[in-house]
Amino acid sequence: MGKKAEKAVENYKNGYTCSQAVACAFCEEAGIDEKTMFRLTEAQGVGLGGMQGHCGALSGAAAILGAVNSTAELEKTDSKGKTIQLSRKLTDRFREKNGSVICKELKGIETGKMLRSCPGCVEDAAEILEDILENR
């Protein structure tokens, strides 16, 4: 496990949501202080809507991709295509590894078969994110 993934899992064990755990492990890369990142990603945890939606760990990772890749040019939004492409790569790799990107499916809420634990999702999202950032 890479250092960022270790930090993300540690964050999760310390009470951060899955989204906060991943995003806060990459504050330095995003150029955002941890308190601000913690606040910005709080609502993205627990599968957006109480396990109904997209995995929070992925949401946190996608937030980092936006922060790192965006040119922040409000008049000329030319970086969004590349950022979306990177987010798609993140999502595809996570789905390939875990069988889903939907929290309730990952947790086996309806099937009774857990595909991946929350700490595992945090670890996977952070590792994939770290790889994408190193190779973009």
N, C-alpha and C. Protein backbone atom coordinates (compact mmCIF):
# COMPACT_ATOMS: atom_id res chain seq x y z
N MET A 1 0.85 -1.18 0.00
CA MET A 1 0.00 0.00 0.00
C MET A 1 0.89 1.24 0.00
N GLY A 2 0.57 2.20 -0.88
CA GLY A 2 1.33 3.43 -0.96
C GLY A 2 1.07 4.35 0.23
N LYS A 3 1.93 5.35 0.39
CA LYS A 3 1.83 6.27 1.52
C LYS A 3 0.50 7.04 1.55
N LYS A 4 0.02 7.45 0.39
CA LYS A 4 -1.25 8.19 0.33
C LYS A 4 -2.41 7.28 0.70
N ALA A 5 -2.37 6.04 0.25
CA ALA A 5 -3.42 5.09 0.61
C ALA A 5 -3.38 4.80 2.11
N GLU A 6 -2.18 4.67 2.65
CA GLU A 6 -2.04 4.46 4.10
C GLU A 6 -2.65 5.63 4.87
N LYS A 7 -2.34 6.84 4.44
CA LYS A 7 -2.88 8.04 5.08
C LYS A 7 -4.40 8.06 4.96
N ALA A 8 -4.93 7.72 3.79
CA ALA A 8 -6.37 7.72 3.59
C ALA A 8 -7.06 6.71 4.51
N VAL A 9 -6.51 5.51 4.62
CA VAL A 9 -7.09 4.49 5.50
C VAL A 9 -6.99 4.94 6.96
N GLU A 10 -5.88 5.55 7.33
CA GLU A 10 -5.72 6.09 8.68
C GLU A 10 -6.77 7.16 8.95
N ASN A 11 -6.99 8.05 7.98
CA ASN A 11 -8.03 9.08 8.12
C ASN A 11 -9.39 8.43 8.38
N TYR A 12 -9.71 7.40 7.59
CA TYR A 12 -10.99 6.72 7.74
C TYR A 12 -11.13 6.11 9.14
N LYS A 13 -10.08 5.48 9.60
CA LYS A 13 -10.10 4.87 10.95
C LYS A 13 -10.25 5.92 12.04
N ASN A 14 -9.87 7.17 11.73
CA ASN A 14 -9.98 8.27 12.69
C ASN A 14 -11.31 9.01 12.59
N GLY A 15 -12.28 8.45 11.86
CA GLY A 15 -13.61 9.01 11.84
C GLY A 15 -13.99 9.86 10.64
N TYR A 16 -13.09 10.01 9.67
CA TYR A 16 -13.41 10.74 8.46
C TYR A 16 -14.39 9.89 7.64
N THR A 17 -15.25 10.54 6.85
CA THR A 17 -16.05 9.77 5.91
C THR A 17 -15.09 9.23 4.84
N CYS A 18 -15.58 8.29 4.04
CA CYS A 18 -14.74 7.72 2.98
C CYS A 18 -14.25 8.82 2.03
N SER A 19 -15.11 9.76 1.70
CA SER A 19 -14.74 10.85 0.81
C SER A 19 -13.68 11.75 1.45
N GLN A 20 -13.91 12.13 2.68
CA GLN A 20 -12.95 12.96 3.40
C GLN A 20 -11.61 12.25 3.55
N ALA A 21 -11.66 10.96 3.84
CA ALA A 21 -10.44 10.19 4.06
C ALA A 21 -9.52 10.25 2.85
N VAL A 22 -10.10 10.04 1.67
CA VAL A 22 -9.29 10.06 0.45
C VAL A 22 -8.85 11.49 0.13
N ALA A 23 -9.80 12.40 0.06
CA ALA A 23 -9.47 13.77 -0.35
C ALA A 23 -8.46 14.42 0.58
N CYS A 24 -8.61 14.23 1.87
CA CYS A 24 -7.70 14.86 2.82
C CYS A 24 -6.29 14.28 2.78
N ALA A 25 -6.15 13.07 2.27
CA ALA A 25 -4.81 12.49 2.10
C ALA A 25 -4.04 13.16 0.96
N PHE A 26 -4.75 13.90 0.10
CA PHE A 26 -4.14 14.54 -1.07
C PHE A 26 -4.23 16.06 -1.02
N CYS A 27 -4.35 16.64 0.17
CA CYS A 27 -4.48 18.10 0.30
C CYS A 27 -3.28 18.84 -0.30
N GLU A 28 -2.11 18.32 -0.08
CA GLU A 28 -0.90 18.98 -0.59
C GLU A 28 -0.94 19.07 -2.12
N GLU A 29 -1.29 17.99 -2.78
CA GLU A 29 -1.37 17.97 -4.23
C GLU A 29 -2.45 18.93 -4.74
N ALA A 30 -3.54 19.03 -3.99
CA ALA A 30 -4.66 19.87 -4.40
C ALA A 30 -4.45 21.34 -4.05
N GLY A 31 -3.51 21.62 -3.16
CA GLY A 31 -3.27 23.00 -2.73
C GLY A 31 -4.40 23.54 -1.86
N ILE A 32 -5.02 22.66 -1.09
CA ILE A 32 -6.14 23.04 -0.23
C ILE A 32 -5.84 22.54 1.18
N ASP A 33 -6.04 23.40 2.18
CA ASP A 33 -5.77 22.98 3.55
C ASP A 33 -6.78 21.90 3.98
N GLU A 34 -6.37 21.11 4.95
CA GLU A 34 -7.17 19.95 5.33
C GLU A 34 -8.54 20.31 5.89
N LYS A 35 -8.63 21.37 6.67
CA LYS A 35 -9.94 21.76 7.22
C LYS A 35 -10.92 22.11 6.11
N THR A 36 -10.46 22.85 5.12
CA THR A 36 -11.33 23.22 4.00
C THR A 36 -11.73 21.98 3.20
N MET A 37 -10.77 21.11 2.92
CA MET A 37 -11.07 19.89 2.18
C MET A 37 -12.05 19.02 2.95
N PHE A 38 -11.86 18.92 4.24
CA PHE A 38 -12.74 18.14 5.11
C PHE A 38 -14.18 18.64 4.98
N ARG A 39 -14.34 19.96 5.03
CA ARG A 39 -15.67 20.57 4.91
C ARG A 39 -16.26 20.35 3.52
N LEU A 40 -15.46 20.53 2.48
CA LEU A 40 -15.95 20.42 1.11
C LEU A 40 -16.41 19.02 0.74
N THR A 41 -15.83 18.01 1.35
CA THR A 41 -16.14 16.64 0.96
C THR A 41 -17.03 15.90 1.96
N GLU A 42 -17.45 16.56 3.00
CA GLU A 42 -18.25 15.90 4.04
C GLU A 42 -19.55 15.30 3.50
N ALA A 43 -20.25 16.01 2.65
CA ALA A 43 -21.54 15.53 2.14
C ALA A 43 -21.40 14.42 1.11
N GLN A 44 -20.20 14.14 0.67
CA GLN A 44 -20.00 13.11 -0.35
C GLN A 44 -19.80 11.72 0.22
N GLY A 45 -19.67 11.61 1.53
CA GLY A 45 -19.45 10.31 2.16
C GLY A 45 -20.71 9.47 2.22
N VAL A 46 -20.55 8.23 2.55
CA VAL A 46 -21.63 7.26 2.72
C VAL A 46 -22.47 7.14 1.45
N GLY A 47 -21.82 7.16 0.33
CA GLY A 47 -22.49 6.87 -0.94
C GLY A 47 -23.52 7.89 -1.38
N LEU A 48 -23.30 9.15 -1.14
CA LEU A 48 -24.22 10.20 -1.58
C LEU A 48 -25.67 9.78 -1.41
N GLY A 49 -26.25 10.11 -0.32
CA GLY A 49 -27.65 9.76 -0.09
C GLY A 49 -27.81 8.51 0.76
N GLY A 50 -26.87 8.27 1.64
CA GLY A 50 -27.00 7.12 2.53
C GLY A 50 -26.88 5.79 1.84
N MET A 51 -25.79 5.56 1.18
CA MET A 51 -25.42 4.31 0.49
C MET A 51 -26.18 4.10 -0.82
N GLN A 52 -26.92 5.05 -1.25
CA GLN A 52 -27.70 4.88 -2.48
C GLN A 52 -26.88 5.16 -3.74
N GLY A 53 -25.88 6.02 -3.62
CA GLY A 53 -25.20 6.49 -4.82
C GLY A 53 -23.75 6.09 -4.94
N HIS A 54 -23.07 6.89 -5.69
CA HIS A 54 -21.67 6.72 -6.05
C HIS A 54 -20.80 6.63 -4.79
N CYS A 55 -19.86 5.72 -4.78
CA CYS A 55 -18.96 5.51 -3.65
C CYS A 55 -18.28 6.83 -3.25
N GLY A 56 -18.36 7.15 -1.98
CA GLY A 56 -17.78 8.38 -1.47
C GLY A 56 -16.27 8.45 -1.64
N ALA A 57 -15.59 7.32 -1.53
CA ALA A 57 -14.14 7.32 -1.73
C ALA A 57 -13.79 7.79 -3.14
N LEU A 58 -14.60 7.37 -4.11
CA LEU A 58 -14.40 7.82 -5.48
C LEU A 58 -14.74 9.30 -5.64
N SER A 59 -15.78 9.75 -4.95
CA SER A 59 -16.15 11.17 -5.00
C SER A 59 -15.01 12.04 -4.47
N GLY A 60 -14.40 11.61 -3.38
CA GLY A 60 -13.26 12.34 -2.83
C GLY A 60 -12.09 12.36 -3.78
N ALA A 61 -11.83 11.22 -4.42
CA ALA A 61 -10.74 11.14 -5.39
C ALA A 61 -11.01 12.02 -6.60
N ALA A 62 -12.27 12.05 -7.06
CA ALA A 62 -12.63 12.89 -8.20
C ALA A 62 -12.47 14.38 -7.86
N ALA A 63 -12.78 14.74 -6.63
CA ALA A 63 -12.59 16.13 -6.20
C ALA A 63 -11.11 16.52 -6.30
N ILE A 64 -10.24 15.61 -5.96
CA ILE A 64 -8.80 15.88 -6.06
C ILE A 64 -8.40 16.03 -7.53
N LEU A 65 -8.91 15.18 -8.38
CA LEU A 65 -8.59 15.30 -9.81
C LEU A 65 -8.99 16.68 -10.34
N GLY A 66 -10.15 17.15 -9.93
CA GLY A 66 -10.58 18.48 -10.35
C GLY A 66 -9.66 19.57 -9.82
N ALA A 67 -9.32 19.47 -8.55
CA ALA A 67 -8.45 20.49 -7.94
C ALA A 67 -7.07 20.50 -8.58
N VAL A 68 -6.55 19.34 -8.92
CA VAL A 68 -5.21 19.24 -9.48
C VAL A 68 -5.18 19.57 -10.97
N ASN A 69 -6.17 19.15 -11.70
CA ASN A 69 -6.13 19.28 -13.16
C ASN A 69 -6.75 20.56 -13.71
N SER A 70 -7.70 21.13 -13.00
CA SER A 70 -8.41 22.30 -13.53
C SER A 70 -7.49 23.50 -13.68
N THR A 71 -7.68 24.23 -14.77
CA THR A 71 -6.92 25.47 -14.97
C THR A 71 -7.56 26.62 -14.21
N ALA A 72 -8.79 26.43 -13.74
CA ALA A 72 -9.55 27.45 -12.99
C ALA A 72 -9.74 28.72 -13.82
N GLU A 73 -9.76 28.56 -15.11
CA GLU A 73 -10.03 29.68 -16.01
C GLU A 73 -11.53 29.76 -16.22
N LEU A 74 -12.19 30.66 -15.53
CA LEU A 74 -13.65 30.73 -15.57
C LEU A 74 -14.18 31.12 -16.94
N GLU A 75 -13.44 31.91 -17.67
CA GLU A 75 -13.88 32.34 -18.99
C GLU A 75 -13.57 31.32 -20.08
N LYS A 76 -12.65 30.41 -19.80
CA LYS A 76 -12.22 29.43 -20.80
C LYS A 76 -12.06 28.08 -20.09
N THR A 77 -13.11 27.31 -20.11
CA THR A 77 -13.11 26.05 -19.35
C THR A 77 -12.51 24.90 -20.15
N ASP A 78 -11.30 25.10 -20.61
CA ASP A 78 -10.68 24.12 -21.50
C ASP A 78 -10.09 22.90 -20.79
N SER A 79 -10.02 22.90 -19.47
CA SER A 79 -9.44 21.74 -18.78
C SER A 79 -10.49 20.69 -18.42
N LYS A 80 -11.77 21.03 -18.55
CA LYS A 80 -12.80 20.10 -18.06
C LYS A 80 -12.81 18.76 -18.82
N GLY A 81 -12.54 18.76 -20.09
CA GLY A 81 -12.53 17.51 -20.85
C GLY A 81 -11.49 16.54 -20.31
N LYS A 82 -10.28 17.02 -20.06
CA LYS A 82 -9.21 16.18 -19.53
C LYS A 82 -9.54 15.73 -18.11
N THR A 83 -10.12 16.63 -17.32
CA THR A 83 -10.47 16.27 -15.94
C THR A 83 -11.53 15.18 -15.93
N ILE A 84 -12.53 15.31 -16.77
CA ILE A 84 -13.58 14.29 -16.87
C ILE A 84 -12.99 12.96 -17.35
N GLN A 85 -12.07 13.03 -18.30
CA GLN A 85 -11.40 11.83 -18.80
C GLN A 85 -10.63 11.12 -17.67
N LEU A 86 -9.95 11.90 -16.84
CA LEU A 86 -9.22 11.32 -15.71
C LEU A 86 -10.18 10.70 -14.70
N SER A 87 -11.30 11.37 -14.47
CA SER A 87 -12.32 10.85 -13.56
C SER A 87 -12.90 9.54 -14.09
N ARG A 88 -13.11 9.47 -15.38
CA ARG A 88 -13.62 8.24 -16.01
C ARG A 88 -12.62 7.10 -15.83
N LYS A 89 -11.35 7.42 -16.00
CA LYS A 89 -10.29 6.42 -15.82
C LYS A 89 -10.31 5.90 -14.37
N LEU A 90 -10.43 6.80 -13.43
CA LEU A 90 -10.51 6.44 -12.01
C LEU A 90 -11.70 5.51 -11.77
N THR A 91 -12.86 5.91 -12.26
CA THR A 91 -14.09 5.15 -12.07
C THR A 91 -14.01 3.78 -12.73
N ASP A 92 -13.52 3.73 -13.95
CA ASP A 92 -13.40 2.46 -14.67
C ASP A 92 -12.47 1.49 -13.95
N ARG A 93 -11.33 1.99 -13.49
CA ARG A 93 -10.38 1.13 -12.79
C ARG A 93 -10.95 0.62 -11.47
N PHE A 94 -11.64 1.48 -10.76
CA PHE A 94 -12.25 1.09 -9.49
C PHE A 94 -13.33 0.03 -9.73
N ARG A 95 -14.18 0.25 -10.73
CA ARG A 95 -15.24 -0.71 -11.07
C ARG A 95 -14.64 -2.05 -11.47
N GLU A 96 -13.59 -2.01 -12.27
CA GLU A 96 -12.93 -3.23 -12.72
C GLU A 96 -12.40 -4.03 -11.53
N LYS A 97 -11.85 -3.34 -10.56
CA LYS A 97 -11.27 -4.00 -9.39
C LYS A 97 -12.33 -4.52 -8.43
N ASN A 98 -13.43 -3.76 -8.27
CA ASN A 98 -14.39 -4.07 -7.21
C ASN A 98 -15.78 -4.52 -7.68
N GLY A 99 -16.07 -4.44 -8.96
CA GLY A 99 -17.33 -4.91 -9.46
C GLY A 99 -18.45 -3.89 -9.47
N SER A 100 -18.24 -2.73 -8.89
CA SER A 100 -19.25 -1.68 -8.84
C SER A 100 -18.61 -0.37 -8.38
N VAL A 101 -19.34 0.72 -8.59
CA VAL A 101 -18.95 2.02 -8.04
C VAL A 101 -20.08 2.58 -7.16
N ILE A 102 -21.14 1.79 -6.96
CA ILE A 102 -22.30 2.21 -6.19
C ILE A 102 -22.16 1.66 -4.76
N CYS A 103 -22.26 2.54 -3.80
CA CYS A 103 -22.03 2.18 -2.40
C CYS A 103 -22.88 0.99 -1.96
N LYS A 104 -24.18 1.04 -2.17
CA LYS A 104 -25.04 -0.05 -1.67
C LYS A 104 -24.71 -1.38 -2.33
N GLU A 105 -24.22 -1.35 -3.56
CA GLU A 105 -23.78 -2.59 -4.22
C GLU A 105 -22.46 -3.08 -3.63
N LEU A 106 -21.54 -2.16 -3.39
CA LEU A 106 -20.26 -2.52 -2.79
C LEU A 106 -20.46 -3.11 -1.40
N LYS A 107 -21.43 -2.59 -0.66
CA LYS A 107 -21.71 -3.05 0.70
C LYS A 107 -22.65 -4.25 0.74
N GLY A 108 -23.24 -4.61 -0.39
CA GLY A 108 -24.14 -5.75 -0.45
C GLY A 108 -25.46 -5.52 0.26
N ILE A 109 -25.93 -4.31 0.29
CA ILE A 109 -27.17 -3.96 1.01
C ILE A 109 -28.36 -4.78 0.52
N GLU A 110 -28.51 -4.93 -0.76
CA GLU A 110 -29.66 -5.66 -1.30
C GLU A 110 -29.37 -7.13 -1.57
N THR A 111 -28.10 -7.46 -1.79
CA THR A 111 -27.75 -8.85 -2.15
C THR A 111 -27.24 -9.67 -0.98
N GLY A 112 -26.78 -8.99 0.07
CA GLY A 112 -26.19 -9.69 1.20
C GLY A 112 -24.75 -10.12 0.95
N LYS A 113 -24.21 -9.76 -0.22
CA LYS A 113 -22.83 -10.13 -0.56
C LYS A 113 -21.99 -8.86 -0.71
N MET A 114 -21.13 -8.60 0.28
CA MET A 114 -20.27 -7.43 0.22
C MET A 114 -19.17 -7.64 -0.82
N LEU A 115 -19.04 -6.65 -1.71
CA LEU A 115 -17.99 -6.70 -2.71
C LEU A 115 -16.68 -6.12 -2.18
N ARG A 116 -16.79 -5.06 -1.34
CA ARG A 116 -15.60 -4.40 -0.81
C ARG A 116 -15.98 -3.60 0.43
N SER A 117 -15.16 -3.67 1.46
CA SER A 117 -15.39 -2.92 2.69
C SER A 117 -15.10 -1.43 2.47
N CYS A 118 -15.58 -0.60 3.37
CA CYS A 118 -15.29 0.84 3.26
C CYS A 118 -13.79 1.12 3.32
N PRO A 119 -13.05 0.56 4.29
CA PRO A 119 -11.61 0.81 4.28
C PRO A 119 -10.95 0.32 2.99
N GLY A 120 -11.45 -0.78 2.44
CA GLY A 120 -10.91 -1.28 1.17
C GLY A 120 -11.20 -0.33 0.03
N CYS A 121 -12.40 0.24 0.00
CA CYS A 121 -12.74 1.22 -1.04
C CYS A 121 -11.86 2.45 -0.92
N VAL A 122 -11.63 2.90 0.31
CA VAL A 122 -10.76 4.06 0.55
C VAL A 122 -9.35 3.76 0.04
N GLU A 123 -8.84 2.59 0.39
CA GLU A 123 -7.50 2.20 -0.05
C GLU A 123 -7.42 2.14 -1.58
N ASP A 124 -8.39 1.49 -2.20
CA ASP A 124 -8.38 1.34 -3.66
C ASP A 124 -8.47 2.69 -4.36
N ALA A 125 -9.39 3.54 -3.92
CA ALA A 125 -9.55 4.85 -4.56
C ALA A 125 -8.27 5.68 -4.43
N ALA A 126 -7.65 5.64 -3.26
CA ALA A 126 -6.42 6.40 -3.05
C ALA A 126 -5.27 5.85 -3.89
N GLU A 127 -5.15 4.54 -3.97
CA GLU A 127 -4.07 3.95 -4.77
C GLU A 127 -4.25 4.26 -6.25
N ILE A 128 -5.48 4.13 -6.74
CA ILE A 128 -5.73 4.44 -8.16
C ILE A 128 -5.49 5.91 -8.42
N LEU A 129 -5.96 6.77 -7.52
CA LEU A 129 -5.74 8.21 -7.68
C LEU A 129 -4.25 8.54 -7.71
N GLU A 130 -3.52 7.97 -6.79
CA GLU A 130 -2.08 8.24 -6.76
C GLU A 130 -1.42 7.84 -8.08
N ASP A 131 -1.79 6.70 -8.61
CA ASP A 131 -1.24 6.24 -9.88
C ASP A 131 -1.62 7.18 -11.02
N ILE A 132 -2.86 7.61 -11.06
CA ILE A 132 -3.31 8.53 -12.11
C ILE A 132 -2.55 9.84 -12.03
N LEU A 133 -2.38 10.37 -10.83
CA LEU A 133 -1.67 11.64 -10.68
C LEU A 133 -0.21 11.53 -11.10
N GLU A 134 0.39 10.39 -10.84
CA GLU A 134 1.80 10.18 -11.22
C GLU A 134 1.95 10.01 -12.72
N ASN A 135 0.92 9.52 -13.41
CA ASN A 135 1.04 9.16 -14.82
C ASN A 135 0.15 9.96 -15.76
N ARG A 136 -0.35 11.10 -15.33
CA ARG A 136 -1.27 11.85 -16.21
C ARG A 136 -0.52 12.65 -17.25
